[in-house]
Amino acid sequence: MYNPFYKFFFTILLASVFLAACSDDTPTSPDPDEPTIVEIAADNEDFSILVDALVSTGVVSTLEQPGPFTVFAPTDDAFANLPDGLLESLSDEQIAEILTYHVLGLEVFSTDLEAQQAAPTLAEQDIFITVTGAVSVNNSAQVTNADVIASNGVIHVIDEVLIPDTFGTLVDNAMKRFDLSSLVDAVVATGLTDALTDPDAELTVFAPTNEAFAEIADVIDELTAEEITDILLYHVIDARVLSTELSGEQNVTTLNGEQITITVNADGVMINNAAKVTDADVNGTNGVIHIIDTVLIPE
């Protein structure tokens, strides 16, 4: 779950971009005489697994409240595409976390979407929505039917189950974030994906944003794959370090063998007195990501 210490929430105001796959008509406000979100899902055979999960975990009681809510609703086919035995291996509490990760505590129609936005869910973790003709969530799930209006909110049907950061690897959690696509591309190109998805690893990654990479694009273009690999490893610590474990100033050795200096003060967390942590504690299965605004350059 997100830790509030040094956490900066960048919730983008949702406004005025049409979803191409939807009707051209602007959706109307929910009618109190309409069925609830739960009633609509229960009456649709494509949502039998979702409804069963809502009932068994008790999350159904939340979605029976007045809301308003926005639910990204995975179909039975979406659940069937999960790895065999995954749902059965999870506790009710874990499944409840996954279910609430599909729910926003406000009403968002397709006509409210910008090209890119991060939206906080009831699981206290963001989902990442992009509009490029179609609408995708977390860079994987596609909205196949939007703006199903209920009395207490709206449903958008999706073709994949959304997985919270808690259940994702470092690479999974970077891939879903549209502002980390340059980093993901570099990790894939240099062959570091396996190292950052190792289930036995405990790592900390200081992840530069796309904007940070764009600022040194001319430099990156002149580097070899080995040099880029060296830069990427300079952003990784061989231990899981949460923001709550940082204080004062400390020198830490990275996977490229050189040290970075981490400084904590009233202004936040700085790396090498150059990069600022803008979003902390994206905590996954094999490590934690802290997003930074500048690419770190080894000596």
C-alpha atoms as a PDB file:
ATOM      1  CA  MET A   1       0.000   0.000   0.000  1.00  0.00           C
ATOM      2  CA  TYR A   2       1.162   3.585  -0.493  1.00  0.00           C
ATOM      3  CA  ASN A   3       3.023   5.148   2.395  1.00  0.00           C
ATOM      4  CA  PRO A   4       2.097   8.792   3.009  1.00  0.00           C
ATOM      5  CA  PHE A   5       5.652   9.733   4.074  1.00  0.00           C
ATOM      6  CA  TYR A   6       7.172  11.863   1.308  1.00  0.00           C
ATOM      7  CA  LYS A   7       4.348  10.728  -0.941  1.00  0.00           C
ATOM      8  CA  PHE A   8       3.230  13.273  -3.475  1.00  0.00           C
ATOM      9  CA  PHE A   9      -0.154  12.625  -5.005  1.00  0.00           C
ATOM     10  CA  PHE A  10      -0.537  13.884  -8.546  1.00  0.00           C
ATOM     11  CA  THR A  11      -4.234  13.270  -9.183  1.00  0.00           C
ATOM     12  CA  ILE A  12      -5.006  14.856 -12.537  1.00  0.00           C
ATOM     13  CA  LEU A  13      -8.309  16.673 -12.931  1.00  0.00           C
ATOM     14  CA  LEU A  14     -10.361  14.617 -15.340  1.00  0.00           C
ATOM     15  CA  ALA A  15     -11.845  16.655 -18.203  1.00  0.00           C
ATOM     16  CA  SER A  16     -13.190  16.686 -21.728  1.00  0.00           C
ATOM     17  CA  VAL A  17     -11.733  14.057 -24.042  1.00  0.00           C
ATOM     18  CA  PHE A  18     -14.142  11.700 -25.810  1.00  0.00           C
ATOM     19  CA  LEU A  19     -13.693   7.927 -25.810  1.00  0.00           C
ATOM     20  CA  ALA A  20     -13.807   6.929 -29.472  1.00  0.00           C
ATOM     21  CA  ALA A  21     -15.307   3.540 -28.769  1.00  0.00           C
ATOM     22  CA  CYS A  22     -18.308   5.048 -27.000  1.00  0.00           C
ATOM     23  CA  SER A  23     -21.466   6.775 -28.073  1.00  0.00           C
ATOM     24  CA  ASP A  24     -21.187  10.342 -29.292  1.00  0.00           C
ATOM     25  CA  ASP A  25     -23.938  11.298 -26.849  1.00  0.00           C
ATOM     26  CA  THR A  26     -22.845  12.788 -23.545  1.00  0.00           C
ATOM     27  CA  PRO A  27     -23.902  10.410 -20.745  1.00  0.00           C
ATOM     28  CA  THR A  28     -26.659  11.654 -18.505  1.00  0.00           C
ATOM     29  CA  SER A  29     -26.439  11.726 -14.714  1.00  0.00           C
ATOM     30  CA  PRO A  30     -27.443   8.509 -12.937  1.00  0.00           C
ATOM     31  CA  ASP A  31     -31.127   8.146 -12.211  1.00  0.00           C
ATOM     32  CA  PRO A  32     -31.966   7.033  -8.638  1.00  0.00           C
ATOM     33  CA  ASP A  33     -34.598   4.772 -10.150  1.00  0.00           C
ATOM     34  CA  GLU A  34     -31.914   2.901 -12.132  1.00  0.00           C
ATOM     35  CA  PRO A  35     -30.519  -0.374 -10.714  1.00  0.00           C
ATOM     36  CA  THR A  36     -27.344  -0.195  -8.621  1.00  0.00           C
ATOM     37  CA  ILE A  37     -23.912  -1.202  -9.891  1.00  0.00           C
ATOM     38  CA  VAL A  38     -24.252  -4.550  -8.103  1.00  0.00           C
ATOM     39  CA  GLU A  39     -27.713  -5.192  -9.536  1.00  0.00           C
ATOM     40  CA  ILE A  40     -26.526  -4.481 -13.080  1.00  0.00           C
ATOM     41  CA  ALA A  41     -23.551  -6.823 -12.668  1.00  0.00           C
ATOM     42  CA  ALA A  42     -25.700  -9.544 -11.104  1.00  0.00           C
ATOM     43  CA  ASP A  43     -28.112  -9.423 -14.049  1.00  0.00           C
ATOM     44  CA  ASN A  44     -25.297  -9.878 -16.586  1.00  0.00           C
ATOM     45  CA  GLU A  45     -23.951 -13.406 -17.016  1.00  0.00           C
ATOM     46  CA  ASP A  46     -20.576 -12.014 -18.143  1.00  0.00           C
ATOM     47  CA  PHE A  47     -19.900 -10.841 -14.576  1.00  0.00           C
ATOM     48  CA  SER A  48     -20.672 -13.996 -12.589  1.00  0.00           C
ATOM     49  CA  ILE A  49     -17.104 -14.380 -11.267  1.00  0.00           C
ATOM     50  CA  LEU A  50     -16.895 -10.695 -10.365  1.00  0.00           C
ATOM     51  CA  VAL A  51     -20.217 -10.822  -8.497  1.00  0.00           C
ATOM     52  CA  ASP A  52     -19.249 -14.019  -6.653  1.00  0.00           C
ATOM     53  CA  ALA A  53     -15.977 -12.387  -5.581  1.00  0.00           C
ATOM     54  CA  LEU A  54     -17.758  -9.212  -4.438  1.00  0.00           C
ATOM     55  CA  VAL A  55     -20.153 -11.263  -2.312  1.00  0.00           C
ATOM     56  CA  SER A  56     -17.572 -13.650  -0.826  1.00  0.00           C
ATOM     57  CA  THR A  57     -15.246 -10.807   0.218  1.00  0.00           C
ATOM     58  CA  GLY A  58     -17.953  -8.465   1.488  1.00  0.00           C
ATOM     59  CA  VAL A  59     -16.988  -5.729  -0.989  1.00  0.00           C
ATOM     60  CA  VAL A  60     -20.550  -5.955  -2.315  1.00  0.00           C
ATOM     61  CA  SER A  61     -21.741  -3.934   0.698  1.00  0.00           C
ATOM     62  CA  THR A  62     -19.549  -1.013  -0.390  1.00  0.00           C
ATOM     63  CA  LEU A  63     -20.946  -0.974  -3.926  1.00  0.00           C
ATOM     64  CA  GLU A  64     -24.503  -1.057  -2.599  1.00  0.00           C
ATOM     65  CA  GLN A  65     -23.926   2.344  -0.955  1.00  0.00           C
ATOM     66  CA  PRO A  66     -25.143   5.569  -2.640  1.00  0.00           C
ATOM     67  CA  GLY A  67     -21.681   6.339  -3.999  1.00  0.00           C
ATOM     68  CA  PRO A  68     -21.102   7.644  -6.548  1.00  0.00           C
ATOM     69  CA  PHE A  69     -18.559   5.097  -7.786  1.00  0.00           C
ATOM     70  CA  THR A  70     -16.802   4.284 -11.024  1.00  0.00           C
ATOM     71  CA  VAL A  71     -16.185   0.559 -11.490  1.00  0.00           C
ATOM     72  CA  PHE A  72     -13.837  -0.920 -14.081  1.00  0.00           C
ATOM     73  CA  ALA A  73     -15.535  -4.294 -14.308  1.00  0.00           C
ATOM     74  CA  PRO A  74     -13.585  -7.338 -15.579  1.00  0.00           C
ATOM     75  CA  THR A  75     -15.610  -9.948 -17.431  1.00  0.00           C
ATOM     76  CA  ASP A  76     -15.539 -13.682 -16.728  1.00  0.00           C
ATOM     77  CA  ASP A  77     -13.163 -14.060 -19.683  1.00  0.00           C
ATOM     78  CA  ALA A  78     -10.825 -11.545 -18.023  1.00  0.00           C
ATOM     79  CA  PHE A  79     -10.767 -13.603 -14.834  1.00  0.00           C
ATOM     80  CA  ALA A  80     -10.235 -16.778 -16.866  1.00  0.00           C
ATOM     81  CA  ASN A  81      -7.061 -15.257 -18.321  1.00  0.00           C
ATOM     82  CA  LEU A  82      -5.453 -14.999 -14.881  1.00  0.00           C
ATOM     83  CA  PRO A  83      -2.762 -17.611 -14.114  1.00  0.00           C
ATOM     84  CA  ASP A  84      -4.257 -20.952 -13.108  1.00  0.00           C
ATOM     85  CA  GLY A  85      -4.878 -21.183  -9.381  1.00  0.00           C
ATOM     86  CA  LEU A  86      -4.096 -17.528  -8.655  1.00  0.00           C
ATOM     87  CA  LEU A  87      -7.474 -16.569  -7.217  1.00  0.00           C
ATOM     88  CA  GLU A  88      -7.649 -19.785  -5.212  1.00  0.00           C
ATOM     89  CA  SER A  89      -4.249 -19.008  -3.668  1.00  0.00           C
ATOM     90  CA  LEU A  90      -5.332 -15.609  -2.356  1.00  0.00           C
ATOM     91  CA  SER A  91      -7.038 -14.779   0.909  1.00  0.00           C
ATOM     92  CA  ASP A  92     -10.357 -12.933   0.990  1.00  0.00           C
ATOM     93  CA  GLU A  93      -8.460  -9.851   2.156  1.00  0.00           C
ATOM     94  CA  GLN A  94      -6.135 -10.005  -0.862  1.00  0.00           C
ATOM     95  CA  ILE A  95      -9.028 -10.511  -3.285  1.00  0.00           C
ATOM     96  CA  ALA A  96     -10.843  -7.587  -1.659  1.00  0.00           C
ATOM     97  CA  GLU A  97      -7.773  -5.419  -2.305  1.00  0.00           C
ATOM     98  CA  ILE A  98      -7.825  -6.427  -5.968  1.00  0.00           C
ATOM     99  CA  LEU A  99     -11.555  -5.732  -6.262  1.00  0.00           C
ATOM    100  CA  THR A 100     -11.370  -2.289  -4.628  1.00  0.00           C
ATOM    101  CA  TYR A 101      -8.449  -1.503  -6.979  1.00  0.00           C
ATOM    102  CA  HIS A 102     -11.095  -1.488  -9.727  1.00  0.00           C
ATOM    103  CA  VAL A 103     -13.247   1.141  -8.005  1.00  0.00           C
ATOM    104  CA  LEU A 104     -12.962   4.936  -7.935  1.00  0.00           C
ATOM    105  CA  GLY A 105     -14.718   6.877  -5.216  1.00  0.00           C
ATOM    106  CA  LEU A 106     -16.162   9.329  -7.724  1.00  0.00           C
ATOM    107  CA  GLU A 107     -18.094   9.232 -10.965  1.00  0.00           C
ATOM    108  CA  VAL A 108     -16.008   9.360 -14.157  1.00  0.00           C
ATOM    109  CA  PHE A 109     -17.640   9.066 -17.575  1.00  0.00           C
ATOM    110  CA  SER A 110     -15.702   8.418 -20.762  1.00  0.00           C
ATOM    111  CA  THR A 111     -16.282  12.036 -21.747  1.00  0.00           C
ATOM    112  CA  ASP A 112     -14.352  13.157 -18.651  1.00  0.00           C
ATOM    113  CA  LEU A 113     -11.065  11.551 -19.685  1.00  0.00           C
ATOM    114  CA  GLU A 114      -7.875  13.286 -20.751  1.00  0.00           C
ATOM    115  CA  ALA A 115      -5.143  11.642 -22.824  1.00  0.00           C
ATOM    116  CA  GLN A 116      -3.402  10.490 -19.631  1.00  0.00           C
ATOM    117  CA  GLN A 117      -4.463  10.478 -15.987  1.00  0.00           C
ATOM    118  CA  ALA A 118      -3.724   8.756 -12.708  1.00  0.00           C
ATOM    119  CA  ALA A 119      -6.809   8.038 -10.610  1.00  0.00           C
ATOM    120  CA  PRO A 120      -6.867   6.983  -6.935  1.00  0.00           C
ATOM    121  CA  THR A 121      -8.882   3.845  -6.190  1.00  0.00           C
ATOM    122  CA  LEU A 122     -10.580   2.566  -3.053  1.00  0.00           C
ATOM    123  CA  ALA A 123      -7.521   0.325  -2.575  1.00  0.00           C
ATOM    124  CA  GLU A 124      -5.488   3.520  -2.004  1.00  0.00           C
ATOM    125  CA  GLN A 125      -3.387   2.814  -5.085  1.00  0.00           C
ATOM    126  CA  ASP A 126      -3.591   4.634  -8.404  1.00  0.00           C
ATOM    127  CA  ILE A 127      -4.673   3.215 -11.715  1.00  0.00           C
ATOM    128  CA  PHE A 128      -3.301   4.770 -14.913  1.00  0.00           C
ATOM    129  CA  ILE A 129      -5.701   5.579 -17.743  1.00  0.00           C
ATOM    130  CA  THR A 130      -4.661   6.498 -21.274  1.00  0.00           C
ATOM    131  CA  VAL A 131      -6.813   7.516 -24.224  1.00  0.00           C
ATOM    132  CA  THR A 132      -5.375   6.871 -27.680  1.00  0.00           C
ATOM    133  CA  GLY A 133      -8.482   6.276 -29.744  1.00  0.00           C
ATOM    134  CA  ALA A 134      -9.381   3.477 -27.354  1.00  0.00           C
ATOM    135  CA  VAL A 135      -9.080   3.598 -23.581  1.00  0.00           C
ATOM    136  CA  SER A 136      -6.574   1.432 -21.731  1.00  0.00           C
ATOM    137  CA  VAL A 137      -5.991   1.024 -18.017  1.00  0.00           C
ATOM    138  CA  ASN A 138      -2.537   0.260 -16.586  1.00  0.00           C
ATOM    139  CA  ASN A 139      -1.213  -0.142 -20.114  1.00  0.00           C
ATOM    140  CA  SER A 140      -2.930  -3.517 -20.448  1.00  0.00           C
ATOM    141  CA  ALA A 141      -6.700  -3.667 -19.906  1.00  0.00           C
ATOM    142  CA  GLN A 142      -8.927  -2.242 -22.644  1.00  0.00           C
ATOM    143  CA  VAL A 143     -12.318  -0.663 -22.027  1.00  0.00           C
ATOM    144  CA  THR A 144     -14.708  -2.647 -24.215  1.00  0.00           C
ATOM    145  CA  ASN A 145     -17.968  -1.020 -23.129  1.00  0.00           C
ATOM    146  CA  ALA A 146     -18.146   2.338 -21.390  1.00  0.00           C
ATOM    147  CA  ASP A 147     -20.677   4.458 -19.507  1.00  0.00           C
ATOM    148  CA  VAL A 148     -23.072   1.799 -18.229  1.00  0.00           C
ATOM    149  CA  ILE A 149     -25.080   4.060 -15.942  1.00  0.00           C
ATOM    150  CA  ALA A 150     -26.277   2.855 -12.537  1.00  0.00           C
ATOM    151  CA  SER A 151     -28.151   4.636  -9.760  1.00  0.00           C
ATOM    152  CA  ASN A 152     -24.949   4.919  -7.694  1.00  0.00           C
ATOM    153  CA  GLY A 153     -22.333   5.443 -10.406  1.00  0.00           C
ATOM    154  CA  VAL A 154     -21.044   4.136 -13.690  1.00  0.00           C
ATOM    155  CA  ILE A 155     -19.498   0.910 -14.995  1.00  0.00           C
ATOM    156  CA  HIS A 156     -16.783   0.580 -17.640  1.00  0.00           C
ATOM    157  CA  VAL A 157     -16.293  -3.001 -18.839  1.00  0.00           C
ATOM    158  CA  ILE A 158     -12.649  -4.133 -19.222  1.00  0.00           C
ATOM    159  CA  ASP A 159     -11.034  -7.216 -20.730  1.00  0.00           C
ATOM    160  CA  GLU A 160      -8.338  -7.802 -18.085  1.00  0.00           C
ATOM    161  CA  VAL A 161      -8.202  -7.934 -14.315  1.00  0.00           C
ATOM    162  CA  LEU A 162      -6.228  -5.008 -12.879  1.00  0.00           C
ATOM    163  CA  ILE A 163      -3.446  -6.009 -10.497  1.00  0.00           C
ATOM    164  CA  PRO A 164      -2.468  -3.634  -7.661  1.00  0.00           C
ATOM    165  CA  ASP A 165       1.175  -2.676  -7.143  1.00  0.00           C
ATOM    166  CA  THR A 166       1.237  -4.958  -4.109  1.00  0.00           C
ATOM    167  CA  PHE A 167       1.026  -8.009  -6.389  1.00  0.00           C
ATOM    168  CA  GLY A 168       3.287  -6.739  -9.195  1.00  0.00           C
ATOM    169  CA  THR A 169       7.027  -6.941  -9.804  1.00  0.00           C
ATOM    170  CA  LEU A 170       9.179  -3.860 -10.266  1.00  0.00           C
ATOM    171  CA  VAL A 171       8.755  -4.166 -14.033  1.00  0.00           C
ATOM    172  CA  ASP A 172       4.989  -4.713 -13.771  1.00  0.00           C
ATOM    173  CA  ASN A 173       4.602  -1.594 -11.665  1.00  0.00           C
ATOM    174  CA  ALA A 174       6.789   0.496 -13.951  1.00  0.00           C
ATOM    175  CA  MET A 175       5.026  -0.696 -17.106  1.00  0.00           C
ATOM    176  CA  LYS A 176       1.585   0.423 -15.931  1.00  0.00           C
ATOM    177  CA  ARG A 177       2.804   3.988 -15.342  1.00  0.00           C
ATOM    178  CA  PHE A 178       2.713   6.027 -18.541  1.00  0.00           C
ATOM    179  CA  ASP A 179       5.369   8.438 -17.217  1.00  0.00           C
ATOM    180  CA  LEU A 180       7.925   5.617 -16.864  1.00  0.00           C
ATOM    181  CA  SER A 181       7.750   4.232 -20.421  1.00  0.00           C
ATOM    182  CA  SER A 182      11.239   5.506 -21.353  1.00  0.00           C
ATOM    183  CA  LEU A 183      12.719   3.678 -18.373  1.00  0.00           C
ATOM    184  CA  VAL A 184      10.868   0.486 -19.271  1.00  0.00           C
ATOM    185  CA  ASP A 185      12.081   0.700 -22.883  1.00  0.00           C
ATOM    186  CA  ALA A 186      15.676   1.087 -21.663  1.00  0.00           C
ATOM    187  CA  VAL A 187      15.350  -1.853 -19.268  1.00  0.00           C
ATOM    188  CA  VAL A 188      14.023  -4.087 -22.047  1.00  0.00           C
ATOM    189  CA  ALA A 189      16.637  -2.922 -24.576  1.00  0.00           C
ATOM    190  CA  THR A 190      19.530  -3.628 -22.198  1.00  0.00           C
ATOM    191  CA  GLY A 191      18.276  -7.041 -21.107  1.00  0.00           C
ATOM    192  CA  LEU A 192      17.707  -6.123 -17.464  1.00  0.00           C
ATOM    193  CA  THR A 193      14.090  -7.303 -17.378  1.00  0.00           C
ATOM    194  CA  ASP A 194      14.896 -10.698 -15.824  1.00  0.00           C
ATOM    195  CA  ALA A 195      16.924  -9.100 -13.033  1.00  0.00           C
ATOM    196  CA  LEU A 196      14.099  -6.718 -12.169  1.00  0.00           C
ATOM    197  CA  THR A 197      11.428  -9.427 -12.248  1.00  0.00           C
ATOM    198  CA  ASP A 198      13.393 -11.942 -10.155  1.00  0.00           C
ATOM    199  CA  PRO A 199      10.866 -13.148  -7.550  1.00  0.00           C
ATOM    200  CA  ASP A 200      13.625 -13.714  -5.004  1.00  0.00           C
ATOM    201  CA  ALA A 201      15.052 -10.199  -5.328  1.00  0.00           C
ATOM    202  CA  GLU A 202      14.675  -7.385  -2.794  1.00  0.00           C
ATOM    203  CA  LEU A 203      15.558  -4.196  -4.670  1.00  0.00           C
ATOM    204  CA  THR A 204      15.045  -0.452  -4.582  1.00  0.00           C
ATOM    205  CA  VAL A 205      14.773   1.379  -7.910  1.00  0.00           C
ATOM    206  CA  PHE A 206      15.025   5.153  -8.266  1.00  0.00           C
ATOM    207  CA  ALA A 207      12.977   5.517 -11.442  1.00  0.00           C
ATOM    208  CA  PRO A 208      13.467   8.602 -13.667  1.00  0.00           C
ATOM    209  CA  THR A 209      10.411   9.872 -15.510  1.00  0.00           C
ATOM    210  CA  ASN A 210      10.053  10.250 -19.266  1.00  0.00           C
ATOM    211  CA  GLU A 211      10.679  13.974 -18.842  1.00  0.00           C
ATOM    212  CA  ALA A 212      13.931  13.248 -17.026  1.00  0.00           C
ATOM    213  CA  PHE A 213      15.115  11.022 -19.888  1.00  0.00           C
ATOM    214  CA  ALA A 214      14.045  13.614 -22.450  1.00  0.00           C
ATOM    215  CA  GLU A 215      16.317  16.177 -20.809  1.00  0.00           C
ATOM    216  CA  ILE A 216      19.388  14.025 -21.578  1.00  0.00           C
ATOM    217  CA  ALA A 217      18.186  12.536 -24.861  1.00  0.00           C
ATOM    218  CA  ASP A 218      21.211  13.867 -26.777  1.00  0.00           C
ATOM    219  CA  VAL A 219      23.560  12.206 -24.294  1.00  0.00           C
ATOM    220  CA  ILE A 220      21.709   8.881 -24.249  1.00  0.00           C
ATOM    221  CA  ASP A 221      21.762   8.715 -28.048  1.00  0.00           C
ATOM    222  CA  GLU A 222      25.590   8.728 -27.991  1.00  0.00           C
ATOM    223  CA  LEU A 223      25.991   5.942 -25.426  1.00  0.00           C
ATOM    224  CA  THR A 224      26.588   2.242 -25.985  1.00  0.00           C
ATOM    225  CA  ALA A 225      24.272  -0.422 -24.605  1.00  0.00           C
ATOM    226  CA  GLU A 226      26.889  -1.198 -21.928  1.00  0.00           C
ATOM    227  CA  GLU A 227      27.028   2.433 -20.844  1.00  0.00           C
ATOM    228  CA  ILE A 228      23.236   2.662 -20.664  1.00  0.00           C
ATOM    229  CA  THR A 229      23.194  -0.554 -18.626  1.00  0.00           C
ATOM    230  CA  ASP A 230      25.714   1.031 -16.248  1.00  0.00           C
ATOM    231  CA  ILE A 231      23.472   4.076 -15.846  1.00  0.00           C
ATOM    232  CA  LEU A 232      20.398   1.947 -15.171  1.00  0.00           C
ATOM    233  CA  LEU A 233      22.192  -0.159 -12.547  1.00  0.00           C
ATOM    234  CA  TYR A 234      23.284   3.083 -10.886  1.00  0.00           C
ATOM    235  CA  HIS A 235      19.601   3.609 -10.060  1.00  0.00           C
ATOM    236  CA  VAL A 236      19.200   0.257  -8.253  1.00  0.00           C
ATOM    237  CA  ILE A 237      20.033  -0.736  -4.664  1.00  0.00           C
ATOM    238  CA  ASP A 238      20.282  -4.389  -3.641  1.00  0.00           C
ATOM    239  CA  ALA A 239      17.813  -3.994  -0.750  1.00  0.00           C
ATOM    240  CA  ARG A 240      14.222  -2.886  -0.274  1.00  0.00           C
ATOM    241  CA  VAL A 241      14.380   0.600   1.259  1.00  0.00           C
ATOM    242  CA  LEU A 242      11.140   2.426   2.055  1.00  0.00           C
ATOM    243  CA  SER A 243      10.980   6.167   2.556  1.00  0.00           C
ATOM    244  CA  THR A 244      10.269   5.654   6.256  1.00  0.00           C
ATOM    245  CA  GLU A 245      13.711   4.062   6.603  1.00  0.00           C
ATOM    246  CA  LEU A 246      15.514   7.147   5.295  1.00  0.00           C
ATOM    247  CA  SER A 247      16.848   9.979   7.431  1.00  0.00           C
ATOM    248  CA  GLY A 248      19.611  12.559   7.377  1.00  0.00           C
ATOM    249  CA  GLU A 249      22.259  11.755   4.806  1.00  0.00           C
ATOM    250  CA  GLN A 250      23.541   8.341   3.771  1.00  0.00           C
ATOM    251  CA  ASN A 251      25.761   6.882   1.079  1.00  0.00           C
ATOM    252  CA  VAL A 252      24.472   3.687  -0.501  1.00  0.00           C
ATOM    253  CA  THR A 253      26.182   1.373  -2.983  1.00  0.00           C
ATOM    254  CA  THR A 254      24.237   0.662  -6.175  1.00  0.00           C
ATOM    255  CA  LEU A 255      24.321  -2.369  -8.473  1.00  0.00           C
ATOM    256  CA  ASN A 256      26.904  -0.721 -10.729  1.00  0.00           C
ATOM    257  CA  GLY A 257      29.340  -0.613  -7.795  1.00  0.00           C
ATOM    258  CA  GLU A 258      29.263   3.151  -7.248  1.00  0.00           C
ATOM    259  CA  GLN A 259      27.601   5.009  -4.407  1.00  0.00           C
ATOM    260  CA  ILE A 260      24.726   7.466  -4.420  1.00  0.00           C
ATOM    261  CA  THR A 261      24.077  10.002  -1.673  1.00  0.00           C
ATOM    262  CA  ILE A 262      20.551  10.158  -0.267  1.00  0.00           C
ATOM    263  CA  THR A 263      19.618  13.292   1.658  1.00  0.00           C
ATOM    264  CA  VAL A 264      16.402  13.769   3.625  1.00  0.00           C
ATOM    265  CA  ASN A 265      15.328  17.215   4.772  1.00  0.00           C
ATOM    266  CA  ALA A 266      12.247  19.379   5.076  1.00  0.00           C
ATOM    267  CA  ASP A 267      12.062  19.718   1.288  1.00  0.00           C
ATOM    268  CA  GLY A 268      11.867  15.957   0.714  1.00  0.00           C
ATOM    269  CA  VAL A 269      14.301  13.297  -0.491  1.00  0.00           C
ATOM    270  CA  MET A 270      17.186  14.182  -2.805  1.00  0.00           C
ATOM    271  CA  ILE A 271      19.602  11.843  -4.600  1.00  0.00           C
ATOM    272  CA  ASN A 272      23.118  13.140  -5.277  1.00  0.00           C
ATOM    273  CA  ASN A 273      21.773  16.608  -4.495  1.00  0.00           C
ATOM    274  CA  ALA A 274      20.320  16.594  -8.026  1.00  0.00           C
ATOM    275  CA  ALA A 275      17.307  14.289  -8.357  1.00  0.00           C
ATOM    276  CA  LYS A 276      14.220  14.750  -6.207  1.00  0.00           C
ATOM    277  CA  VAL A 277      11.890  11.915  -5.218  1.00  0.00           C
ATOM    278  CA  THR A 278       8.477  12.968  -6.495  1.00  0.00           C
ATOM    279  CA  ASP A 279       6.571   9.774  -5.692  1.00  0.00           C
ATOM    280  CA  ALA A 280       7.734   7.313  -3.044  1.00  0.00           C
ATOM    281  CA  ASP A 281       7.056   3.743  -1.968  1.00  0.00           C
ATOM    282  CA  VAL A 282       5.570   2.000  -4.995  1.00  0.00           C
ATOM    283  CA  ASN A 283       5.912  -1.285  -3.151  1.00  0.00           C
ATOM    284  CA  GLY A 284       5.776  -4.545  -5.123  1.00  0.00           C
ATOM    285  CA  THR A 285       6.570  -8.214  -4.745  1.00  0.00           C
ATOM    286  CA  ASN A 286      10.324  -7.955  -5.308  1.00  0.00           C
ATOM    287  CA  GLY A 287      11.141  -4.405  -4.358  1.00  0.00           C
ATOM    288  CA  VAL A 288      10.100  -0.773  -4.187  1.00  0.00           C
ATOM    289  CA  ILE A 289      10.153   2.081  -6.703  1.00  0.00           C
ATOM    290  CA  HIS A 290      10.797   5.734  -5.852  1.00  0.00           C
ATOM    291  CA  ILE A 291      10.106   8.003  -8.841  1.00  0.00           C
ATOM    292  CA  ILE A 292      12.657  10.786  -9.423  1.00  0.00           C
ATOM    293  CA  ASP A 293      12.773  13.847 -11.673  1.00  0.00           C
ATOM    294  CA  THR A 294      16.373  13.553 -12.948  1.00  0.00           C
ATOM    295  CA  VAL A 295      18.467  10.742 -14.433  1.00  0.00           C
ATOM    296  CA  LEU A 296      21.414   9.872 -12.192  1.00  0.00           C
ATOM    297  CA  ILE A 297      24.758   9.805 -13.995  1.00  0.00           C
ATOM    298  CA  PRO A 298      27.595   7.624 -12.627  1.00  0.00           C
ATOM    299  CA  GLU A 299      31.046   9.161 -12.204  1.00  0.00           C
END
